[in-house]
Amino acid sequence: MPALYDAVLLVSFGGPEGMEDVDPFLDNVLRGRDVPPERRRAVVAQYASMGGVSPIGGQNRRLLAALRDELRAHGPQLPVYWGNRNWRPHLADAVREMAHDGRKRALAFVTSAYASYSGCRQYLDDIARARAEVGAEAPEVDKIRLYYNHPGFVAACRDRLRAAFEVLPGEKRSEARLVFTAHSLPTFMAATSDYEVQLRETAGLVAEGVGSPSWSLAFQSRSGPPSQPWLEPDIGSKLQALAAEGAKDVVVAPIGFVSDHMEVVYDLDRVAQATAGSLGLRMERAKTVGTHPAFVRMIRDLVDERANDRKERPALGARGPSPDFCDPACCPPPPRRPS
């Protein structure tokens, strides 16, 4: 029986790797979006403070290497390619490389665990656009299912959170407040997907696994105009509320992200940490899953279940596994701005 798939494609957001990359990178990210000029200038300044280098490139290279090692050791024996939405290596370049190598059908693993237009549907559109650019020789590309409640993702998140709690002195751990964070979305976009519901399910599963029955969800990294409502509370406002309640210690777990990229390092480690300090709060931040062994094994498991047409689909919680293929009507794009 011929294999269902002959390649794996790691798909991510991408990020600049020098100051000369920042403006063209932001042109790609912001094309067609209503982002105020002052917000763009602020983002450029953020990248400048880090030498114009986003951590995401190095992190994706490490994940790529870890996944290749995992598949080589345990199968399926499939080559792994890498393409980004917004920066090199671009998706079209990865699809072109697969076509050159004679690949006919690939499985795409996207570094976004949850449903939303920007976290799921837009990646499908990007893949379709890349295939169209390559032309008739482009391989078919099927996206792997959402994994927000996969046991491997939850286990990795629990382990990262447990390590963050262990940094606190023993007598403070039971009183420390737990806040999960994720990227905020415009409320009209959030209303067309299960994004917030899925985040809350993951948060509950992770908190349960570390013995923290009390937790809250906050959002970060909003980028739209002030007049546009986005998911709240913002992490800064949440920290202010916790301080007003008398909290002294808080652990922040960015479960909405899979790597410690720019929005984690800058928005949490710099901005939120400074806010916490000004409020007299001690803030510890859990690492994202990154290349945690349980997360890498999860990717292999997701590849294997599709490549070998396994019927079981591991998932925790009440919602069960996400479908292998997205409904064409799910996570629709935002309405186009009038030209």
C-alpha atoms as a PDB file:
ATOM      1  CA  MET A   1       0.000   0.000   0.000  1.00  0.00           C
ATOM      2  CA  PRO A   2       1.573   3.357  -0.960  1.00  0.00           C
ATOM      3  CA  ALA A   3       2.196   5.875   1.824  1.00  0.00           C
ATOM      4  CA  LEU A   4      -0.489   8.529   2.261  1.00  0.00           C
ATOM      5  CA  TYR A   5       2.148  11.238   2.712  1.00  0.00           C
ATOM      6  CA  ASP A   6       5.765  11.649   1.680  1.00  0.00           C
ATOM      7  CA  ALA A   7       6.798  14.815   3.579  1.00  0.00           C
ATOM      8  CA  VAL A   8       6.149  17.006   6.621  1.00  0.00           C
ATOM      9  CA  LEU A   9       6.011  20.801   6.391  1.00  0.00           C
ATOM     10  CA  LEU A  10       6.690  22.901   9.496  1.00  0.00           C
ATOM     11  CA  VAL A  11       4.713  26.131   9.074  1.00  0.00           C
ATOM     12  CA  SER A  12       5.271  29.169  11.276  1.00  0.00           C
ATOM     13  CA  PHE A  13       4.855  32.933  11.467  1.00  0.00           C
ATOM     14  CA  GLY A  14       8.428  33.986  10.764  1.00  0.00           C
ATOM     15  CA  GLY A  15      10.405  36.919  12.105  1.00  0.00           C
ATOM     16  CA  PRO A  16      13.225  39.310  11.198  1.00  0.00           C
ATOM     17  CA  GLU A  17      16.835  38.326  11.811  1.00  0.00           C
ATOM     18  CA  GLY A  18      18.387  41.798  11.562  1.00  0.00           C
ATOM     19  CA  MET A  19      17.296  45.442  11.531  1.00  0.00           C
ATOM     20  CA  GLU A  20      17.329  45.481   7.725  1.00  0.00           C
ATOM     21  CA  ASP A  21      14.589  42.819   7.838  1.00  0.00           C
ATOM     22  CA  VAL A  22      12.213  44.611  10.202  1.00  0.00           C
ATOM     23  CA  ASP A  23      10.416  46.976   7.816  1.00  0.00           C
ATOM     24  CA  PRO A  24       9.876  44.444   4.997  1.00  0.00           C
ATOM     25  CA  PHE A  25       8.807  41.872   7.579  1.00  0.00           C
ATOM     26  CA  LEU A  26       6.235  44.288   9.018  1.00  0.00           C
ATOM     27  CA  ASP A  27       5.042  45.096   5.483  1.00  0.00           C
ATOM     28  CA  ASN A  28       4.190  41.401   5.130  1.00  0.00           C
ATOM     29  CA  VAL A  29       2.559  41.132   8.547  1.00  0.00           C
ATOM     30  CA  LEU A  30       0.475  44.297   8.348  1.00  0.00           C
ATOM     31  CA  ARG A  31      -0.616  44.181   4.715  1.00  0.00           C
ATOM     32  CA  GLY A  32      -4.372  44.823   4.596  1.00  0.00           C
ATOM     33  CA  ARG A  33      -4.644  45.389   8.365  1.00  0.00           C
ATOM     34  CA  ASP A  34      -5.868  48.510  10.103  1.00  0.00           C
ATOM     35  CA  VAL A  35      -2.883  49.096  12.375  1.00  0.00           C
ATOM     36  CA  PRO A  36      -2.213  52.671  13.530  1.00  0.00           C
ATOM     37  CA  PRO A  37       1.148  54.127  12.373  1.00  0.00           C
ATOM     38  CA  GLU A  38       2.154  54.768  15.980  1.00  0.00           C
ATOM     39  CA  ARG A  39       1.689  51.074  16.743  1.00  0.00           C
ATOM     40  CA  ARG A  40       3.995  50.166  13.865  1.00  0.00           C
ATOM     41  CA  ARG A  41       6.616  52.611  15.092  1.00  0.00           C
ATOM     42  CA  ALA A  42       6.393  51.079  18.549  1.00  0.00           C
ATOM     43  CA  VAL A  43       6.932  47.582  17.132  1.00  0.00           C
ATOM     44  CA  VAL A  44       9.972  48.774  15.149  1.00  0.00           C
ATOM     45  CA  ALA A  45      11.378  50.213  18.390  1.00  0.00           C
ATOM     46  CA  GLN A  46      10.762  46.896  20.149  1.00  0.00           C
ATOM     47  CA  TYR A  47      12.711  45.010  17.514  1.00  0.00           C
ATOM     48  CA  ALA A  48      15.464  47.651  17.606  1.00  0.00           C
ATOM     49  CA  SER A  49      15.837  47.054  21.336  1.00  0.00           C
ATOM     50  CA  MET A  50      16.669  43.431  20.487  1.00  0.00           C
ATOM     51  CA  GLY A  51      18.979  44.194  17.577  1.00  0.00           C
ATOM     52  CA  GLY A  52      16.239  43.554  15.041  1.00  0.00           C
ATOM     53  CA  VAL A  53      16.347  39.832  15.718  1.00  0.00           C
ATOM     54  CA  SER A  54      13.213  37.888  16.593  1.00  0.00           C
ATOM     55  CA  PRO A  55      13.835  34.766  18.684  1.00  0.00           C
ATOM     56  CA  ILE A  56      11.376  32.791  16.553  1.00  0.00           C
ATOM     57  CA  GLY A  57      13.849  31.956  13.789  1.00  0.00           C
ATOM     58  CA  GLY A  58      16.291  30.207  16.095  1.00  0.00           C
ATOM     59  CA  GLN A  59      13.470  28.505  17.947  1.00  0.00           C
ATOM     60  CA  ASN A  60      11.996  27.119  14.737  1.00  0.00           C
ATOM     61  CA  ARG A  61      15.401  25.814  13.693  1.00  0.00           C
ATOM     62  CA  ARG A  62      15.681  23.976  16.994  1.00  0.00           C
ATOM     63  CA  LEU A  63      12.163  22.569  16.630  1.00  0.00           C
ATOM     64  CA  LEU A  64      12.934  21.513  13.055  1.00  0.00           C
ATOM     65  CA  ALA A  65      16.058  19.661  14.223  1.00  0.00           C
ATOM     66  CA  ALA A  66      14.242  18.031  17.134  1.00  0.00           C
ATOM     67  CA  LEU A  67      11.377  16.858  14.915  1.00  0.00           C
ATOM     68  CA  ARG A  68      13.748  15.441  12.314  1.00  0.00           C
ATOM     69  CA  ASP A  69      15.569  13.521  15.048  1.00  0.00           C
ATOM     70  CA  GLU A  70      12.273  12.258  16.494  1.00  0.00           C
ATOM     71  CA  LEU A  71      10.994  11.003  13.143  1.00  0.00           C
ATOM     72  CA  ARG A  72      14.359   9.475  12.277  1.00  0.00           C
ATOM     73  CA  ALA A  73      14.416   7.580  15.582  1.00  0.00           C
ATOM     74  CA  HIS A  74      10.782   6.495  15.772  1.00  0.00           C
ATOM     75  CA  GLY A  75       9.156   7.051  12.371  1.00  0.00           C
ATOM     76  CA  PRO A  76       7.373   7.657  10.180  1.00  0.00           C
ATOM     77  CA  GLN A  77      10.490   8.127   8.054  1.00  0.00           C
ATOM     78  CA  LEU A  78       9.483  11.389   6.369  1.00  0.00           C
ATOM     79  CA  PRO A  79      11.620  14.410   5.415  1.00  0.00           C
ATOM     80  CA  VAL A  80      10.753  17.693   7.154  1.00  0.00           C
ATOM     81  CA  TYR A  81      10.667  21.057   5.348  1.00  0.00           C
ATOM     82  CA  TRP A  82      10.128  24.527   6.837  1.00  0.00           C
ATOM     83  CA  GLY A  83       8.260  27.565   5.528  1.00  0.00           C
ATOM     84  CA  ASN A  84       6.969  30.794   7.125  1.00  0.00           C
ATOM     85  CA  ARG A  85       4.029  33.079   6.514  1.00  0.00           C
ATOM     86  CA  ASN A  86       5.912  36.353   6.784  1.00  0.00           C
ATOM     87  CA  TRP A  87       9.668  35.829   6.435  1.00  0.00           C
ATOM     88  CA  ARG A  88      12.367  33.600   5.062  1.00  0.00           C
ATOM     89  CA  PRO A  89      12.181  30.747   4.421  1.00  0.00           C
ATOM     90  CA  HIS A  90       8.827  31.658   2.859  1.00  0.00           C
ATOM     91  CA  LEU A  91       6.133  29.061   2.371  1.00  0.00           C
ATOM     92  CA  ALA A  92       6.389  29.259  -1.422  1.00  0.00           C
ATOM     93  CA  ASP A  93      10.118  28.494  -1.183  1.00  0.00           C
ATOM     94  CA  ALA A  94       9.408  25.414   0.949  1.00  0.00           C
ATOM     95  CA  VAL A  95       6.688  24.214  -1.426  1.00  0.00           C
ATOM     96  CA  ARG A  96       9.031  24.796  -4.370  1.00  0.00           C
ATOM     97  CA  GLU A  97      11.745  22.765  -2.618  1.00  0.00           C
ATOM     98  CA  MET A  98       9.313  19.901  -2.013  1.00  0.00           C
ATOM     99  CA  ALA A  99       8.270  19.960  -5.665  1.00  0.00           C
ATOM    100  CA  HIS A 100      11.922  19.889  -6.746  1.00  0.00           C
ATOM    101  CA  ASP A 101      12.458  16.839  -4.512  1.00  0.00           C
ATOM    102  CA  GLY A 102       9.497  15.054  -6.076  1.00  0.00           C
ATOM    103  CA  ARG A 103       7.185  15.202  -3.037  1.00  0.00           C
ATOM    104  CA  LYS A 104       3.539  14.672  -3.888  1.00  0.00           C
ATOM    105  CA  ARG A 105       1.616  15.069  -0.623  1.00  0.00           C
ATOM    106  CA  ALA A 106       2.746  16.692   2.615  1.00  0.00           C
ATOM    107  CA  LEU A 107       1.386  17.091   6.125  1.00  0.00           C
ATOM    108  CA  ALA A 108       1.637  20.639   7.506  1.00  0.00           C
ATOM    109  CA  PHE A 109       2.243  21.172  11.212  1.00  0.00           C
ATOM    110  CA  VAL A 110       1.412  24.774  12.129  1.00  0.00           C
ATOM    111  CA  THR A 111       2.892  26.382  15.248  1.00  0.00           C
ATOM    112  CA  SER A 112      -0.548  27.531  16.389  1.00  0.00           C
ATOM    113  CA  ALA A 113      -2.593  25.237  18.608  1.00  0.00           C
ATOM    114  CA  TYR A 114      -5.968  26.991  18.517  1.00  0.00           C
ATOM    115  CA  ALA A 115      -8.753  27.873  16.100  1.00  0.00           C
ATOM    116  CA  SER A 116      -9.048  31.433  14.797  1.00  0.00           C
ATOM    117  CA  TYR A 117      -8.717  33.160  11.460  1.00  0.00           C
ATOM    118  CA  SER A 118      -5.110  34.231  12.078  1.00  0.00           C
ATOM    119  CA  GLY A 119      -4.151  31.003  13.853  1.00  0.00           C
ATOM    120  CA  CYS A 120      -5.693  28.492  11.454  1.00  0.00           C
ATOM    121  CA  ARG A 121      -7.658  29.657   8.412  1.00  0.00           C
ATOM    122  CA  GLN A 122      -5.067  32.201   7.332  1.00  0.00           C
ATOM    123  CA  TYR A 123      -2.399  29.512   7.320  1.00  0.00           C
ATOM    124  CA  LEU A 124      -4.583  27.390   5.047  1.00  0.00           C
ATOM    125  CA  ASP A 125      -4.932  30.386   2.725  1.00  0.00           C
ATOM    126  CA  ASP A 126      -1.168  30.970   2.837  1.00  0.00           C
ATOM    127  CA  ILE A 127      -0.484  27.351   1.911  1.00  0.00           C
ATOM    128  CA  ALA A 128      -2.955  27.525  -0.970  1.00  0.00           C
ATOM    129  CA  ARG A 129      -1.327  30.750  -2.194  1.00  0.00           C
ATOM    130  CA  ALA A 130       2.137  29.191  -2.016  1.00  0.00           C
ATOM    131  CA  ARG A 131       0.989  26.135  -3.980  1.00  0.00           C
ATOM    132  CA  ALA A 132      -0.564  28.365  -6.629  1.00  0.00           C
ATOM    133  CA  GLU A 133       2.697  30.296  -6.933  1.00  0.00           C
ATOM    134  CA  VAL A 134       4.650  27.079  -7.503  1.00  0.00           C
ATOM    135  CA  GLY A 135       2.113  25.771  -9.995  1.00  0.00           C
ATOM    136  CA  ALA A 136       1.139  22.334 -11.241  1.00  0.00           C
ATOM    137  CA  GLU A 137       4.178  20.598  -9.730  1.00  0.00           C
ATOM    138  CA  ALA A 138       3.312  21.719  -6.200  1.00  0.00           C
ATOM    139  CA  PRO A 139       2.518  18.871  -3.792  1.00  0.00           C
ATOM    140  CA  GLU A 140      -0.820  18.648  -2.050  1.00  0.00           C
ATOM    141  CA  VAL A 141      -0.564  19.923   1.526  1.00  0.00           C
ATOM    142  CA  ASP A 142      -2.960  18.881   4.308  1.00  0.00           C
ATOM    143  CA  LYS A 143      -2.890  20.671   7.651  1.00  0.00           C
ATOM    144  CA  ILE A 144      -2.622  18.589  10.819  1.00  0.00           C
ATOM    145  CA  ARG A 145      -5.523  18.956  13.257  1.00  0.00           C
ATOM    146  CA  LEU A 146      -5.596  21.455  16.115  1.00  0.00           C
ATOM    147  CA  TYR A 147      -3.775  20.167  19.173  1.00  0.00           C
ATOM    148  CA  TYR A 148      -4.755  22.475  22.042  1.00  0.00           C
ATOM    149  CA  ASN A 149      -6.100  19.503  24.045  1.00  0.00           C
ATOM    150  CA  HIS A 150      -3.661  16.831  22.872  1.00  0.00           C
ATOM    151  CA  PRO A 151      -2.126  14.998  25.869  1.00  0.00           C
ATOM    152  CA  GLY A 152       1.402  15.846  24.684  1.00  0.00           C
ATOM    153  CA  PHE A 153       0.752  19.581  24.477  1.00  0.00           C
ATOM    154  CA  VAL A 154      -1.004  19.621  27.840  1.00  0.00           C
ATOM    155  CA  ALA A 155       1.784  17.576  29.464  1.00  0.00           C
ATOM    156  CA  ALA A 156       4.467  19.946  28.155  1.00  0.00           C
ATOM    157  CA  CYS A 157       2.504  23.002  29.356  1.00  0.00           C
ATOM    158  CA  ARG A 158       2.040  21.417  32.779  1.00  0.00           C
ATOM    159  CA  ASP A 159       5.743  20.693  33.076  1.00  0.00           C
ATOM    160  CA  ARG A 160       6.680  24.272  32.138  1.00  0.00           C
ATOM    161  CA  LEU A 161       4.149  25.659  34.624  1.00  0.00           C
ATOM    162  CA  ARG A 162       5.300  23.372  37.410  1.00  0.00           C
ATOM    163  CA  ALA A 163       8.879  24.561  36.892  1.00  0.00           C
ATOM    164  CA  ALA A 164       7.762  28.206  37.171  1.00  0.00           C
ATOM    165  CA  PHE A 165       5.966  27.548  40.464  1.00  0.00           C
ATOM    166  CA  GLU A 166       9.068  25.816  41.808  1.00  0.00           C
ATOM    167  CA  VAL A 167      11.063  29.034  41.410  1.00  0.00           C
ATOM    168  CA  LEU A 168       8.916  30.604  44.123  1.00  0.00           C
ATOM    169  CA  PRO A 169       9.811  29.989  47.767  1.00  0.00           C
ATOM    170  CA  GLY A 170       7.885  26.998  49.074  1.00  0.00           C
ATOM    171  CA  GLU A 171       5.730  28.981  51.479  1.00  0.00           C
ATOM    172  CA  LYS A 172       4.538  31.291  48.672  1.00  0.00           C
ATOM    173  CA  ARG A 173       3.468  28.704  46.101  1.00  0.00           C
ATOM    174  CA  SER A 174       0.036  27.936  47.519  1.00  0.00           C
ATOM    175  CA  GLU A 175      -0.906  31.633  47.609  1.00  0.00           C
ATOM    176  CA  ALA A 176       0.532  32.594  44.216  1.00  0.00           C
ATOM    177  CA  ARG A 177      -2.029  33.601  41.600  1.00  0.00           C
ATOM    178  CA  LEU A 178      -2.037  31.818  38.259  1.00  0.00           C
ATOM    179  CA  VAL A 179      -2.745  33.717  35.048  1.00  0.00           C
ATOM    180  CA  PHE A 180      -2.751  32.121  31.604  1.00  0.00           C
ATOM    181  CA  THR A 181      -2.191  34.394  28.604  1.00  0.00           C
ATOM    182  CA  ALA A 182      -2.770  34.282  24.867  1.00  0.00           C
ATOM    183  CA  HIS A 183      -2.674  36.735  21.983  1.00  0.00           C
ATOM    184  CA  SER A 184      -5.704  39.004  22.021  1.00  0.00           C
ATOM    185  CA  LEU A 185      -8.003  39.113  19.000  1.00  0.00           C
ATOM    186  CA  PRO A 186     -10.599  41.616  17.816  1.00  0.00           C
ATOM    187  CA  THR A 187     -13.863  40.500  19.376  1.00  0.00           C
ATOM    188  CA  PHE A 188     -15.563  40.182  15.979  1.00  0.00           C
ATOM    189  CA  MET A 189     -12.859  37.717  14.932  1.00  0.00           C
ATOM    190  CA  ALA A 190     -12.981  35.788  18.205  1.00  0.00           C
ATOM    191  CA  ALA A 191     -16.753  35.431  17.791  1.00  0.00           C
ATOM    192  CA  THR A 192     -16.303  33.413  14.589  1.00  0.00           C
ATOM    193  CA  SER A 193     -14.170  30.677  16.144  1.00  0.00           C
ATOM    194  CA  ASP A 194     -13.758  28.563  19.288  1.00  0.00           C
ATOM    195  CA  TYR A 195     -10.526  30.361  20.185  1.00  0.00           C
ATOM    196  CA  GLU A 196     -11.480  31.503  23.665  1.00  0.00           C
ATOM    197  CA  VAL A 197     -13.360  28.299  24.508  1.00  0.00           C
ATOM    198  CA  GLN A 198     -10.347  26.213  23.504  1.00  0.00           C
ATOM    199  CA  LEU A 199      -7.978  28.409  25.516  1.00  0.00           C
ATOM    200  CA  ARG A 200     -10.111  27.972  28.597  1.00  0.00           C
ATOM    201  CA  GLU A 201     -10.200  24.208  28.126  1.00  0.00           C
ATOM    202  CA  THR A 202      -6.413  24.040  27.828  1.00  0.00           C
ATOM    203  CA  ALA A 203      -5.973  26.321  30.840  1.00  0.00           C
ATOM    204  CA  GLY A 204      -8.249  24.130  32.940  1.00  0.00           C
ATOM    205  CA  LEU A 205      -6.444  20.957  31.895  1.00  0.00           C
ATOM    206  CA  VAL A 206      -3.025  22.445  32.603  1.00  0.00           C
ATOM    207  CA  ALA A 207      -4.044  23.934  35.959  1.00  0.00           C
ATOM    208  CA  GLU A 208      -5.678  20.678  37.041  1.00  0.00           C
ATOM    209  CA  GLY A 209      -2.471  18.801  36.299  1.00  0.00           C
ATOM    210  CA  VAL A 210      -0.395  20.995  38.624  1.00  0.00           C
ATOM    211  CA  GLY A 211      -2.961  21.186  41.438  1.00  0.00           C
ATOM    212  CA  SER A 212      -4.050  24.790  40.834  1.00  0.00           C
ATOM    213  CA  PRO A 213      -7.851  24.851  40.808  1.00  0.00           C
ATOM    214  CA  SER A 214      -7.985  28.664  40.761  1.00  0.00           C
ATOM    215  CA  TRP A 215      -6.754  30.475  37.647  1.00  0.00           C
ATOM    216  CA  SER A 216      -7.673  33.259  35.258  1.00  0.00           C
ATOM    217  CA  LEU A 217      -7.181  34.012  31.568  1.00  0.00           C
ATOM    218  CA  ALA A 218      -5.776  37.302  30.277  1.00  0.00           C
ATOM    219  CA  PHE A 219      -4.729  38.535  26.856  1.00  0.00           C
ATOM    220  CA  GLN A 220      -1.735  40.368  25.461  1.00  0.00           C
ATOM    221  CA  SER A 221      -0.154  41.905  22.370  1.00  0.00           C
ATOM    222  CA  ARG A 222      -3.191  43.658  20.893  1.00  0.00           C
ATOM    223  CA  SER A 223      -2.329  45.779  17.856  1.00  0.00           C
ATOM    224  CA  GLY A 224      -5.542  47.337  16.516  1.00  0.00           C
ATOM    225  CA  PRO A 225      -6.879  50.879  16.876  1.00  0.00           C
ATOM    226  CA  PRO A 226      -8.164  51.855  20.339  1.00  0.00           C
ATOM    227  CA  SER A 227     -11.695  52.197  18.952  1.00  0.00           C
ATOM    228  CA  GLN A 228     -11.825  48.490  18.058  1.00  0.00           C
ATOM    229  CA  PRO A 229     -12.823  46.114  20.890  1.00  0.00           C
ATOM    230  CA  TRP A 230     -10.426  43.232  21.535  1.00  0.00           C
ATOM    231  CA  LEU A 231     -10.512  40.309  23.940  1.00  0.00           C
ATOM    232  CA  GLU A 232      -9.862  41.381  27.515  1.00  0.00           C
ATOM    233  CA  PRO A 233      -8.598  41.677  30.192  1.00  0.00           C
ATOM    234  CA  ASP A 234      -5.150  42.733  29.066  1.00  0.00           C
ATOM    235  CA  ILE A 235      -2.362  41.217  31.152  1.00  0.00           C
ATOM    236  CA  GLY A 236      -1.380  44.655  32.462  1.00  0.00           C
ATOM    237  CA  SER A 237      -4.904  45.332  33.693  1.00  0.00           C
ATOM    238  CA  LYS A 238      -5.076  41.853  35.203  1.00  0.00           C
ATOM    239  CA  LEU A 239      -1.885  42.428  37.176  1.00  0.00           C
ATOM    240  CA  GLN A 240      -3.300  45.702  38.486  1.00  0.00           C
ATOM    241  CA  ALA A 241      -6.464  43.922  39.591  1.00  0.00           C
ATOM    242  CA  LEU A 242      -4.495  41.183  41.355  1.00  0.00           C
ATOM    243  CA  ALA A 243      -2.384  43.740  43.199  1.00  0.00           C
ATOM    244  CA  ALA A 244      -5.559  45.546  44.279  1.00  0.00           C
ATOM    245  CA  GLU A 245      -6.837  42.247  45.681  1.00  0.00           C
ATOM    246  CA  GLY A 246      -3.712  41.924  47.819  1.00  0.00           C
ATOM    247  CA  ALA A 247      -1.800  39.354  45.761  1.00  0.00           C
ATOM    248  CA  LYS A 248       1.960  39.264  46.245  1.00  0.00           C
ATOM    249  CA  ASP A 249       3.073  36.597  43.782  1.00  0.00           C
ATOM    250  CA  VAL A 250       1.801  35.684  40.319  1.00  0.00           C
ATOM    251  CA  VAL A 251       2.779  33.005  37.837  1.00  0.00           C
ATOM    252  CA  VAL A 252       2.048  33.832  34.193  1.00  0.00           C
ATOM    253  CA  ALA A 253       1.784  30.972  31.706  1.00  0.00           C
ATOM    254  CA  PRO A 254       1.586  31.953  27.995  1.00  0.00           C
ATOM    255  CA  ILE A 255      -0.274  28.848  26.805  1.00  0.00           C
ATOM    256  CA  GLY A 256      -1.465  30.667  23.685  1.00  0.00           C
ATOM    257  CA  PHE A 257       2.055  30.413  22.224  1.00  0.00           C
ATOM    258  CA  VAL A 258       4.358  27.476  21.516  1.00  0.00           C
ATOM    259  CA  SER A 259       7.712  29.314  21.623  1.00  0.00           C
ATOM    260  CA  ASP A 260       9.302  32.170  23.529  1.00  0.00           C
ATOM    261  CA  HIS A 261       9.165  34.533  20.572  1.00  0.00           C
ATOM    262  CA  MET A 262       9.042  38.321  20.422  1.00  0.00           C
ATOM    263  CA  GLU A 263       5.568  38.797  21.884  1.00  0.00           C
ATOM    264  CA  VAL A 264       6.426  36.581  24.837  1.00  0.00           C
ATOM    265  CA  VAL A 265       9.896  37.971  25.503  1.00  0.00           C
ATOM    266  CA  TYR A 266       8.950  41.642  25.018  1.00  0.00           C
ATOM    267  CA  ASP A 267       5.311  41.851  26.099  1.00  0.00           C
ATOM    268  CA  LEU A 268       5.658  39.585  29.123  1.00  0.00           C
ATOM    269  CA  ASP A 269       9.304  39.536  30.183  1.00  0.00           C
ATOM    270  CA  ARG A 270       9.748  43.278  29.718  1.00  0.00           C
ATOM    271  CA  VAL A 271       6.431  45.122  29.783  1.00  0.00           C
ATOM    272  CA  ALA A 272       4.346  42.887  32.061  1.00  0.00           C
ATOM    273  CA  GLN A 273       7.316  42.233  34.330  1.00  0.00           C
ATOM    274  CA  ALA A 274       7.875  45.994  34.688  1.00  0.00           C
ATOM    275  CA  THR A 275       4.173  46.475  35.470  1.00  0.00           C
ATOM    276  CA  ALA A 276       4.317  43.755  38.106  1.00  0.00           C
ATOM    277  CA  GLY A 277       7.387  45.342  39.696  1.00  0.00           C
ATOM    278  CA  SER A 278       5.729  48.745  39.876  1.00  0.00           C
ATOM    279  CA  LEU A 279       2.783  47.135  41.666  1.00  0.00           C
ATOM    280  CA  GLY A 280       4.901  45.260  44.187  1.00  0.00           C
ATOM    281  CA  LEU A 281       4.123  41.902  42.612  1.00  0.00           C
ATOM    282  CA  ARG A 282       6.636  39.133  42.137  1.00  0.00           C
ATOM    283  CA  MET A 283       5.985  37.659  38.690  1.00  0.00           C
ATOM    284  CA  GLU A 284       7.378  34.376  37.418  1.00  0.00           C
ATOM    285  CA  ARG A 285       6.788  33.476  33.784  1.00  0.00           C
ATOM    286  CA  ALA A 286       6.426  29.862  32.645  1.00  0.00           C
ATOM    287  CA  LYS A 287       8.308  28.918  29.512  1.00  0.00           C
ATOM    288  CA  THR A 288       6.373  27.927  26.423  1.00  0.00           C
ATOM    289  CA  VAL A 289       6.546  24.328  25.217  1.00  0.00           C
ATOM    290  CA  GLY A 290       9.359  25.049  22.711  1.00  0.00           C
ATOM    291  CA  THR A 291      11.195  21.776  22.109  1.00  0.00           C
ATOM    292  CA  HIS A 292       9.919  20.030  25.230  1.00  0.00           C
ATOM    293  CA  PRO A 293      10.192  16.273  24.542  1.00  0.00           C
ATOM    294  CA  ALA A 294       6.469  15.714  25.137  1.00  0.00           C
ATOM    295  CA  PHE A 295       5.636  18.395  22.566  1.00  0.00           C
ATOM    296  CA  VAL A 296       8.024  16.983  19.975  1.00  0.00           C
ATOM    297  CA  ARG A 297       6.611  13.485  20.558  1.00  0.00           C
ATOM    298  CA  MET A 298       3.133  14.957  20.107  1.00  0.00           C
ATOM    299  CA  ILE A 299       4.064  16.282  16.665  1.00  0.00           C
ATOM    300  CA  ARG A 300       5.357  12.849  15.687  1.00  0.00           C
ATOM    301  CA  ASP A 301       2.152  11.277  16.990  1.00  0.00           C
ATOM    302  CA  LEU A 302       0.018  13.716  14.972  1.00  0.00           C
ATOM    303  CA  VAL A 303       2.052  12.924  11.864  1.00  0.00           C
ATOM    304  CA  ASP A 304       1.829   9.197  12.496  1.00  0.00           C
ATOM    305  CA  GLU A 305      -1.939   9.139  13.013  1.00  0.00           C
ATOM    306  CA  ARG A 306      -2.459  10.728   9.598  1.00  0.00           C
ATOM    307  CA  ALA A 307       0.401   9.104   7.711  1.00  0.00           C
ATOM    308  CA  ASN A 308      -0.684   5.639   8.852  1.00  0.00           C
ATOM    309  CA  ASP A 309      -4.434   6.375   8.882  1.00  0.00           C
ATOM    310  CA  ARG A 310      -4.808   5.518  12.574  1.00  0.00           C
ATOM    311  CA  LYS A 311      -8.369   5.733  13.811  1.00  0.00           C
ATOM    312  CA  GLU A 312      -7.679   6.868  17.380  1.00  0.00           C
ATOM    313  CA  ARG A 313      -7.233  10.584  17.950  1.00  0.00           C
ATOM    314  CA  PRO A 314      -5.842  11.327  21.468  1.00  0.00           C
ATOM    315  CA  ALA A 315      -7.482  14.300  23.199  1.00  0.00           C
ATOM    316  CA  LEU A 316      -8.185  15.405  26.763  1.00  0.00           C
ATOM    317  CA  GLY A 317     -11.215  17.223  28.128  1.00  0.00           C
ATOM    318  CA  ALA A 318     -14.842  17.249  27.137  1.00  0.00           C
ATOM    319  CA  ARG A 319     -14.524  18.594  23.587  1.00  0.00           C
ATOM    320  CA  GLY A 320     -12.645  15.672  22.092  1.00  0.00           C
ATOM    321  CA  PRO A 321     -10.286  15.766  19.110  1.00  0.00           C
ATOM    322  CA  SER A 322     -10.535  18.406  16.422  1.00  0.00           C
ATOM    323  CA  PRO A 323     -11.355  17.133  12.924  1.00  0.00           C
ATOM    324  CA  ASP A 324      -8.579  16.264  10.511  1.00  0.00           C
ATOM    325  CA  PHE A 325      -9.948  18.730   7.967  1.00  0.00           C
ATOM    326  CA  CYS A 326     -11.400  22.144   8.776  1.00  0.00           C
ATOM    327  CA  ASP A 327     -14.956  22.983   7.811  1.00  0.00           C
ATOM    328  CA  PRO A 328     -14.765  25.394   4.858  1.00  0.00           C
ATOM    329  CA  ALA A 329     -16.948  27.847   6.795  1.00  0.00           C
ATOM    330  CA  CYS A 330     -14.900  27.886   9.993  1.00  0.00           C
ATOM    331  CA  CYS A 331     -12.782  30.856  11.136  1.00  0.00           C
ATOM    332  CA  PRO A 332     -13.794  33.144   8.246  1.00  0.00           C
ATOM    333  CA  PRO A 333     -11.569  36.074   7.283  1.00  0.00           C
ATOM    334  CA  PRO A 334     -12.390  39.537   8.610  1.00  0.00           C
ATOM    335  CA  PRO A 335     -14.374  41.773   6.260  1.00  0.00           C
ATOM    336  CA  ARG A 336     -12.221  43.585   3.753  1.00  0.00           C
ATOM    337  CA  ARG A 337     -11.716  47.291   4.264  1.00  0.00           C
ATOM    338  CA  PRO A 338     -13.175  49.434   1.503  1.00  0.00           C
ATOM    339  CA  SER A 339     -10.538  50.517  -1.025  1.00  0.00           C
END
